[in-house]
């Protein structure tokens, strides 16, 4: 018998992986803004990159929530 759709286990793992990605992205973004993390040799661009990561992550979250 063919399976229709994804199993609950697969959906749960996808949600956990997506949520982990969001949390890591936000942590990296805030780390770049706060100076805890940095990319060598690019100076102030670290802060801009941090804001870019945070904004794009939040836009992605909003897009997913409105898509469901």
Protein backbone atom coordinates (compact mmCIF):
# COMPACT_ATOMS: atom_id res chain seq x y z
CA UNK A 1 0.00 0.00 0.00
CA UNK A 2 1.38 3.40 -0.99
CA UNK A 3 1.89 6.09 1.62
CA UNK A 4 -0.02 9.31 1.08
CA UNK A 5 1.69 12.43 2.41
CA UNK A 6 4.38 12.57 5.03
CA UNK A 7 4.35 10.62 8.25
CA UNK A 8 3.93 12.43 11.55
CA UNK A 9 7.46 11.43 12.50
CA UNK A 10 8.87 13.01 9.35
CA UNK A 11 6.83 16.18 9.84
CA UNK A 12 7.98 16.43 13.45
CA UNK A 13 11.63 16.09 12.44
CA UNK A 14 11.18 18.74 9.75
CA UNK A 15 9.71 21.16 12.31
CA UNK A 16 12.54 20.49 14.76
CA UNK A 17 15.17 21.01 12.05
CA UNK A 18 13.51 24.24 10.86
CA UNK A 19 13.19 25.59 14.41
CA UNK A 20 16.83 24.74 15.12
CA UNK A 21 17.86 26.63 11.99
CA UNK A 22 15.86 29.68 13.06
CA UNK A 23 17.38 29.67 16.55
CA UNK A 24 20.92 29.24 15.21
CA UNK A 25 20.40 32.00 12.63
CA UNK A 26 19.16 34.41 15.29
CA UNK A 27 22.06 33.49 17.59
CA UNK A 28 24.58 34.15 14.81
CA UNK A 29 22.89 37.42 13.85
CA UNK A 30 22.84 38.74 17.40
CA UNK A 31 26.41 37.52 17.93
CA UNK A 32 27.57 39.49 14.90
CA UNK A 33 25.73 42.61 16.06
CA UNK A 34 26.99 42.36 19.64
CA UNK A 35 30.58 41.65 18.65
CA UNK A 36 30.70 38.16 20.17
CA UNK A 37 31.17 36.71 16.69
CA UNK A 38 33.04 38.32 13.85
CA UNK A 39 34.35 37.58 10.40
CA UNK A 40 38.00 38.63 10.22
CA UNK A 41 39.02 41.58 8.05
CA UNK A 42 35.54 42.99 7.36
CA UNK A 43 35.10 45.26 10.40
CA UNK A 44 31.80 47.15 10.56
CA UNK A 45 30.32 44.89 7.89
CA UNK A 46 29.90 42.32 10.69
CA UNK A 47 27.11 44.43 12.19
CA UNK A 48 25.44 44.89 8.80
CA UNK A 49 25.69 41.15 8.14
CA UNK A 50 24.19 40.45 11.58
CA UNK A 51 21.19 42.68 10.87
CA UNK A 52 20.80 41.08 7.45
CA UNK A 53 20.73 37.60 9.01
CA UNK A 54 18.16 38.65 11.62
CA UNK A 55 15.88 40.44 9.15
CA UNK A 56 15.93 37.64 6.59
CA UNK A 57 15.31 35.04 9.29
CA UNK A 58 12.31 36.94 10.63
CA UNK A 59 10.95 37.48 7.12
CA UNK A 60 11.27 33.75 6.50
CA UNK A 61 9.43 32.94 9.73
CA UNK A 62 6.59 35.33 8.86
CA UNK A 63 6.35 33.87 5.34
CA UNK A 64 6.11 30.33 6.70
CA UNK A 65 3.50 31.28 9.29
CA UNK A 66 1.27 33.04 6.74
CA UNK A 67 1.72 30.19 4.26
CA UNK A 68 0.28 27.61 6.68
